[in-house]
Amino acid sequence: QEFEADELRGSDIYRGDLSFDHRLT
C-alpha cells in the first residue's frame, strides 16, 4: 500500500497460511 500524502503511512504485509481440511461426514 502506498499513499501520496506524506503524513499517511504506506505498508508491506507478508502473509502465509497452511490449512488442512478433513471431511468428517
PDB file of all heavy atoms in Angstrom:
ATOM      1  N   GLN A   1       0.849  -1.186   0.000  1.00  0.00           N
ATOM      2  CA  GLN A   1       0.000   0.000   0.000  1.00  0.00           C
ATOM      3  C   GLN A   1       0.886   1.238   0.000  1.00  0.00           C
ATOM      4  O   GLN A   1       1.864   1.307   0.746  1.00  0.00           O
ATOM      5  CB  GLN A   1      -0.924   0.016   1.222  1.00  0.00           C
ATOM      6  CG  GLN A   1      -1.964  -1.087   1.224  1.00  0.00           C
ATOM      7  CD  GLN A   1      -2.900  -0.994   2.409  1.00  0.00           C
ATOM      8  OE1 GLN A   1      -2.808  -0.092   3.242  1.00  0.00           O
ATOM      9  NE2 GLN A   1      -3.835  -1.944   2.513  1.00  0.00           N
ATOM     10  N   GLU A   2       0.495   2.210  -0.819  1.00  0.00           N
ATOM     11  CA  GLU A   2       1.301   3.426  -0.976  1.00  0.00           C
ATOM     12  C   GLU A   2       0.368   4.626  -1.064  1.00  0.00           C
ATOM     13  O   GLU A   2      -0.678   4.565  -1.715  1.00  0.00           O
ATOM     14  CB  GLU A   2       2.149   3.303  -2.245  1.00  0.00           C
ATOM     15  CG  GLU A   2       3.177   4.385  -2.443  1.00  0.00           C
ATOM     16  CD  GLU A   2       4.045   4.115  -3.658  1.00  0.00           C
ATOM     17  OE1 GLU A   2       4.521   2.957  -3.800  1.00  0.00           O
ATOM     18  OE2 GLU A   2       4.241   5.036  -4.468  1.00  0.00           O
ATOM     19  N   PHE A   3       0.769   5.743  -0.411  1.00  0.00           N
ATOM     20  CA  PHE A   3      -0.057   6.941  -0.364  1.00  0.00           C
ATOM     21  C   PHE A   3       0.772   8.157  -0.766  1.00  0.00           C
ATOM     22  O   PHE A   3       1.932   8.288  -0.372  1.00  0.00           O
ATOM     23  CB  PHE A   3      -0.637   7.154   1.040  1.00  0.00           C
ATOM     24  CG  PHE A   3      -1.490   6.008   1.512  1.00  0.00           C
ATOM     25  CD1 PHE A   3      -0.919   4.925   2.182  1.00  0.00           C
ATOM     26  CD2 PHE A   3      -2.851   5.996   1.279  1.00  0.00           C
ATOM     27  CE1 PHE A   3      -1.690   3.864   2.614  1.00  0.00           C
ATOM     28  CE2 PHE A   3      -3.635   4.937   1.706  1.00  0.00           C
ATOM     29  CZ  PHE A   3      -3.062   3.870   2.369  1.00  0.00           C
ATOM     30  N   GLU A   4       0.139   9.041  -1.526  1.00  0.00           N
ATOM     31  CA  GLU A   4       0.843  10.232  -1.996  1.00  0.00           C
ATOM     32  C   GLU A   4       1.099  11.214  -0.864  1.00  0.00           C
ATOM     33  O   GLU A   4       2.135  11.874  -0.819  1.00  0.00           O
ATOM     34  CB  GLU A   4       0.024  10.898  -3.109  1.00  0.00           C
ATOM     35  CG  GLU A   4       0.716  12.066  -3.784  1.00  0.00           C
ATOM     36  CD  GLU A   4      -0.106  12.614  -4.923  1.00  0.00           C
ATOM     37  OE1 GLU A   4      -1.262  13.007  -4.680  1.00  0.00           O
ATOM     38  OE2 GLU A   4       0.399  12.646  -6.061  1.00  0.00           O
ATOM     39  N   ALA A   5       0.163  11.344   0.074  1.00  0.00           N
ATOM     40  CA  ALA A   5       0.317  12.276   1.191  1.00  0.00           C
ATOM     41  C   ALA A   5       1.409  11.777   2.145  1.00  0.00           C
ATOM     42  O   ALA A   5       1.390  10.618   2.586  1.00  0.00           O
ATOM     43  CB  ALA A   5      -1.008  12.419   1.940  1.00  0.00           C
ATOM     44  N   ASP A   6       2.355  12.642   2.476  1.00  0.00           N
ATOM     45  CA  ASP A   6       3.488  12.250   3.324  1.00  0.00           C
ATOM     46  C   ASP A   6       3.044  11.864   4.734  1.00  0.00           C
ATOM     47  O   ASP A   6       3.716  11.059   5.399  1.00  0.00           O
ATOM     48  CB  ASP A   6       4.505  13.391   3.406  1.00  0.00           C
ATOM     49  CG  ASP A   6       5.183  13.656   2.073  1.00  0.00           C
ATOM     50  OD1 ASP A   6       5.245  12.720   1.245  1.00  0.00           O
ATOM     51  OD2 ASP A   6       5.638  14.791   1.854  1.00  0.00           O
ATOM     52  N   GLU A   7       1.928  12.448   5.213  1.00  0.00           N
ATOM     53  CA  GLU A   7       1.504  12.158   6.576  1.00  0.00           C
ATOM     54  C   GLU A   7       0.943  10.738   6.722  1.00  0.00           C
ATOM     55  O   GLU A   7       0.909  10.213   7.840  1.00  0.00           O
ATOM     56  CB  GLU A   7       0.435  13.167   7.017  1.00  0.00           C
ATOM     57  CG  GLU A   7       0.936  14.594   7.131  1.00  0.00           C
ATOM     58  CD  GLU A   7       0.886  15.330   5.792  1.00  0.00           C
ATOM     59  OE1 GLU A   7       0.678  14.672   4.745  1.00  0.00           O
ATOM     60  OE2 GLU A   7       1.049  16.560   5.803  1.00  0.00           O
ATOM     61  N   LEU A   8       0.507  10.153   5.633  1.00  0.00           N
ATOM     62  CA  LEU A   8      -0.027   8.800   5.678  1.00  0.00           C
ATOM     63  C   LEU A   8       1.104   7.785   5.593  1.00  0.00           C
ATOM     64  O   LEU A   8       2.188   8.095   5.112  1.00  0.00           O
ATOM     65  CB  LEU A   8      -1.033   8.583   4.546  1.00  0.00           C
ATOM     66  CG  LEU A   8      -2.266   9.476   4.590  1.00  0.00           C
ATOM     67  CD1 LEU A   8      -3.144   9.234   3.362  1.00  0.00           C
ATOM     68  CD2 LEU A   8      -3.063   9.235   5.873  1.00  0.00           C
ATOM     69  N   ARG A   9       0.827   6.563   6.036  1.00  0.00           N
ATOM     70  CA  ARG A   9       1.860   5.543   6.144  1.00  0.00           C
ATOM     71  C   ARG A   9       1.569   4.376   5.206  1.00  0.00           C
ATOM     72  O   ARG A   9       0.562   3.687   5.366  1.00  0.00           O
ATOM     73  CB  ARG A   9       1.953   5.036   7.596  1.00  0.00           C
ATOM     74  CG  ARG A   9       2.449   6.092   8.581  1.00  0.00           C
ATOM     75  CD  ARG A   9       2.173   5.654  10.014  1.00  0.00           C
ATOM     76  NE  ARG A   9       2.803   6.552  10.984  1.00  0.00           N
ATOM     77  CZ  ARG A   9       2.307   7.697  11.378  1.00  0.00           C
ATOM     78  NH1 ARG A   9       1.143   8.106  10.894  1.00  0.00           N
ATOM     79  NH2 ARG A   9       2.944   8.457  12.262  1.00  0.00           N
ATOM     80  N   GLY A  10       2.461   4.188   4.258  1.00  0.00           N
ATOM     81  CA  GLY A  10       2.372   3.014   3.412  1.00  0.00           C
ATOM     82  C   GLY A  10       2.801   1.775   4.177  1.00  0.00           C
ATOM     83  O   GLY A  10       3.330   1.845   5.288  1.00  0.00           O
ATOM     84  N   SER A  11       2.587   0.619   3.574  1.00  0.00           N
ATOM     85  CA  SER A  11       2.917  -0.624   4.279  1.00  0.00           C
ATOM     86  C   SER A  11       3.148  -1.749   3.294  1.00  0.00           C
ATOM     87  O   SER A  11       2.708  -1.701   2.140  1.00  0.00           O
ATOM     88  CB  SER A  11       1.789  -1.008   5.246  1.00  0.00           C
ATOM     89  OG  SER A  11       0.583  -1.272   4.537  1.00  0.00           O
ATOM     90  N   ASP A  12       3.866  -2.768   3.774  1.00  0.00           N
ATOM     91  CA  ASP A  12       4.017  -4.044   3.087  1.00  0.00           C
ATOM     92  C   ASP A  12       3.622  -5.127   4.081  1.00  0.00           C
ATOM     93  O   ASP A  12       4.163  -5.188   5.195  1.00  0.00           O
ATOM     94  CB  ASP A  12       5.453  -4.265   2.608  1.00  0.00           C
ATOM     95  CG  ASP A  12       5.829  -3.323   1.484  1.00  0.00           C
ATOM     96  OD1 ASP A  12       5.268  -3.453   0.392  1.00  0.00           O
ATOM     97  OD2 ASP A  12       6.693  -2.442   1.713  1.00  0.00           O
ATOM     98  N   ILE A  13       2.690  -5.963   3.672  1.00  0.00           N
ATOM     99  CA  ILE A  13       2.186  -7.023   4.543  1.00  0.00           C
ATOM    100  C   ILE A  13       2.457  -8.363   3.874  1.00  0.00           C
ATOM    101  O   ILE A  13       2.026  -8.600   2.742  1.00  0.00           O
ATOM    102  CB  ILE A  13       0.679  -6.859   4.812  1.00  0.00           C
ATOM    103  CG1 ILE A  13       0.390  -5.475   5.383  1.00  0.00           C
ATOM    104  CG2 ILE A  13       0.190  -7.950   5.764  1.00  0.00           C
ATOM    105  CD1 ILE A  13      -1.078  -5.171   5.498  1.00  0.00           C
ATOM    106  N   TYR A  14       3.156  -9.232   4.581  1.00  0.00           N
ATOM    107  CA  TYR A  14       3.502 -10.562   4.063  1.00  0.00           C
ATOM    108  C   TYR A  14       2.694 -11.598   4.849  1.00  0.00           C
ATOM    109  O   TYR A  14       2.713 -11.599   6.083  1.00  0.00           O
ATOM    110  CB  TYR A  14       4.993 -10.826   4.210  1.00  0.00           C
ATOM    111  CG  TYR A  14       5.867  -9.774   3.572  1.00  0.00           C
ATOM    112  CD1 TYR A  14       6.248  -8.634   4.288  1.00  0.00           C
ATOM    113  CD2 TYR A  14       6.292  -9.910   2.258  1.00  0.00           C
ATOM    114  CE1 TYR A  14       7.043  -7.655   3.698  1.00  0.00           C
ATOM    115  CE2 TYR A  14       7.096  -8.939   1.660  1.00  0.00           C
ATOM    116  CZ  TYR A  14       7.456  -7.821   2.385  1.00  0.00           C
ATOM    117  OH  TYR A  14       8.242  -6.859   1.794  1.00  0.00           O
ATOM    118  N   ARG A  15       1.985 -12.464   4.122  1.00  0.00           N
ATOM    119  CA  ARG A  15       1.140 -13.459   4.766  1.00  0.00           C
ATOM    120  C   ARG A  15       1.500 -14.855   4.291  1.00  0.00           C
ATOM    121  O   ARG A  15       1.854 -15.055   3.129  1.00  0.00           O
ATOM    122  CB  ARG A  15      -0.343 -13.210   4.457  1.00  0.00           C
ATOM    123  CG  ARG A  15      -0.917 -11.918   4.986  1.00  0.00           C
ATOM    124  CD  ARG A  15      -2.411 -11.853   4.702  1.00  0.00           C
ATOM    125  NE  ARG A  15      -3.032 -10.639   5.225  1.00  0.00           N
ATOM    126  CZ  ARG A  15      -3.265  -9.553   4.514  1.00  0.00           C
ATOM    127  NH1 ARG A  15      -2.903  -9.513   3.242  1.00  0.00           N
ATOM    128  NH2 ARG A  15      -3.834  -8.505   5.060  1.00  0.00           N
ATOM    129  N   GLY A  16       1.363 -15.806   5.190  1.00  0.00           N
ATOM    130  CA  GLY A  16       1.497 -17.213   4.846  1.00  0.00           C
ATOM    131  C   GLY A  16       0.452 -18.007   5.608  1.00  0.00           C
ATOM    132  O   GLY A  16       0.197 -17.735   6.789  1.00  0.00           O
ATOM    133  N   ASP A  17      -0.170 -18.980   4.929  1.00  0.00           N
ATOM    134  CA  ASP A  17      -1.245 -19.735   5.561  1.00  0.00           C
ATOM    135  C   ASP A  17      -1.149 -21.201   5.175  1.00  0.00           C
ATOM    136  O   ASP A  17      -0.912 -21.536   4.007  1.00  0.00           O
ATOM    137  CB  ASP A  17      -2.608 -19.179   5.134  1.00  0.00           C
ATOM    138  CG  ASP A  17      -3.757 -19.878   5.840  1.00  0.00           C
ATOM    139  OD1 ASP A  17      -4.194 -20.943   5.362  1.00  0.00           O
ATOM    140  OD2 ASP A  17      -4.202 -19.366   6.878  1.00  0.00           O
ATOM    141  N   LEU A  18      -1.332 -22.068   6.151  1.00  0.00           N
ATOM    142  CA  LEU A  18      -1.352 -23.516   5.936  1.00  0.00           C
ATOM    143  C   LEU A  18      -2.637 -24.059   6.554  1.00  0.00           C
ATOM    144  O   LEU A  18      -2.906 -23.835   7.739  1.00  0.00           O
ATOM    145  CB  LEU A  18      -0.138 -24.180   6.586  1.00  0.00           C
ATOM    146  CG  LEU A  18      -0.097 -25.714   6.556  1.00  0.00           C
ATOM    147  CD1 LEU A  18      -0.030 -26.230   5.121  1.00  0.00           C
ATOM    148  CD2 LEU A  18       1.080 -26.231   7.368  1.00  0.00           C
ATOM    149  N   SER A  19      -3.436 -24.768   5.744  1.00  0.00           N
ATOM    150  CA  SER A  19      -4.712 -25.303   6.209  1.00  0.00           C
ATOM    151  C   SER A  19      -4.845 -26.774   5.825  1.00  0.00           C
ATOM    152  O   SER A  19      -4.406 -27.186   4.743  1.00  0.00           O
ATOM    153  CB  SER A  19      -5.892 -24.524   5.607  1.00  0.00           C
ATOM    154  OG  SER A  19      -5.902 -23.188   6.056  1.00  0.00           O
ATOM    155  N   PHE A  20      -5.487 -27.538   6.708  1.00  0.00           N
ATOM    156  CA  PHE A  20      -5.846 -28.926   6.432  1.00  0.00           C
ATOM    157  C   PHE A  20      -7.357 -29.068   6.619  1.00  0.00           C
ATOM    158  O   PHE A  20      -7.897 -28.680   7.658  1.00  0.00           O
ATOM    159  CB  PHE A  20      -5.106 -29.887   7.361  1.00  0.00           C
ATOM    160  CG  PHE A  20      -3.630 -29.936   7.134  1.00  0.00           C
ATOM    161  CD1 PHE A  20      -2.775 -29.096   7.840  1.00  0.00           C
ATOM    162  CD2 PHE A  20      -3.080 -30.817   6.204  1.00  0.00           C
ATOM    163  CE1 PHE A  20      -1.401 -29.132   7.637  1.00  0.00           C
ATOM    164  CE2 PHE A  20      -1.717 -30.861   5.990  1.00  0.00           C
ATOM    165  CZ  PHE A  20      -0.875 -30.017   6.694  1.00  0.00           C
ATOM    166  N   ASP A  21      -8.006 -29.608   5.614  1.00  0.00           N
ATOM    167  CA  ASP A  21      -9.448 -29.810   5.651  1.00  0.00           C
ATOM    168  C   ASP A  21      -9.732 -31.310   5.606  1.00  0.00           C
ATOM    169  O   ASP A  21      -9.190 -32.020   4.751  1.00  0.00           O
ATOM    170  CB  ASP A  21     -10.135 -29.132   4.463  1.00  0.00           C
ATOM    171  CG  ASP A  21      -9.760 -27.669   4.336  1.00  0.00           C
ATOM    172  OD1 ASP A  21      -9.753 -26.985   5.378  1.00  0.00           O
ATOM    173  OD2 ASP A  21      -9.457 -27.217   3.214  1.00  0.00           O
ATOM    174  N   HIS A  22     -10.594 -31.766   6.512  1.00  0.00           N
ATOM    175  CA  HIS A  22     -10.939 -33.182   6.553  1.00  0.00           C
ATOM    176  C   HIS A  22     -12.461 -33.331   6.557  1.00  0.00           C
ATOM    177  O   HIS A  22     -13.145 -32.727   7.383  1.00  0.00           O
ATOM    178  CB  HIS A  22     -10.358 -33.849   7.800  1.00  0.00           C
ATOM    179  CG  HIS A  22     -10.628 -35.323   7.863  1.00  0.00           C
ATOM    180  ND1 HIS A  22      -9.975 -36.229   7.045  1.00  0.00           N
ATOM    181  CD2 HIS A  22     -11.479 -36.047   8.647  1.00  0.00           C
ATOM    182  CE1 HIS A  22     -10.407 -37.439   7.322  1.00  0.00           C
ATOM    183  NE2 HIS A  22     -11.319 -37.364   8.282  1.00  0.00           N
ATOM    184  N   ARG A  23     -12.975 -34.112   5.618  1.00  0.00           N
ATOM    185  CA  ARG A  23     -14.405 -34.329   5.520  1.00  0.00           C
ATOM    186  C   ARG A  23     -14.818 -35.347   6.576  1.00  0.00           C
ATOM    187  O   ARG A  23     -14.543 -36.547   6.459  1.00  0.00           O
ATOM    188  CB  ARG A  23     -14.778 -34.809   4.115  1.00  0.00           C
ATOM    189  CG  ARG A  23     -16.290 -34.825   3.868  1.00  0.00           C
ATOM    190  CD  ARG A  23     -16.592 -35.030   2.414  1.00  0.00           C
ATOM    191  NE  ARG A  23     -16.024 -36.274   1.918  1.00  0.00           N
ATOM    192  CZ  ARG A  23     -15.928 -36.581   0.630  1.00  0.00           C
ATOM    193  NH1 ARG A  23     -16.303 -35.715  -0.287  1.00  0.00           N
ATOM    194  NH2 ARG A  23     -15.424 -37.753   0.259  1.00  0.00           N
ATOM    195  N   LEU A  24     -15.516 -34.866   7.607  1.00  0.00           N
ATOM    196  CA  LEU A  24     -15.929 -35.718   8.717  1.00  0.00           C
ATOM    197  C   LEU A  24     -17.169 -36.533   8.369  1.00  0.00           C
ATOM    198  O   LEU A  24     -17.285 -37.697   8.746  1.00  0.00           O
ATOM    199  CB  LEU A  24     -16.183 -34.859   9.955  1.00  0.00           C
ATOM    200  CG  LEU A  24     -14.975 -34.035  10.432  1.00  0.00           C
ATOM    201  CD1 LEU A  24     -15.391 -33.092  11.547  1.00  0.00           C
ATOM    202  CD2 LEU A  24     -13.848 -34.944  10.900  1.00  0.00           C
ATOM    203  N   THR A  25     -18.106 -35.898   7.689  1.00  0.00           N
ATOM    204  CA  THR A  25     -19.312 -36.564   7.206  1.00  0.00           C
ATOM    205  C   THR A  25     -19.580 -36.024   5.802  1.00  0.00           C
ATOM    206  O   THR A  25     -18.930 -35.063   5.365  1.00  0.00           O
ATOM    207  CB  THR A  25     -20.527 -36.277   8.115  1.00  0.00           C
ATOM    208  OG1 THR A  25     -20.941 -34.916   7.925  1.00  0.00           O
ATOM    209  CG2 THR A  25     -20.192 -36.509   9.581  1.00  0.00           C
TER     210      THR A  25
END
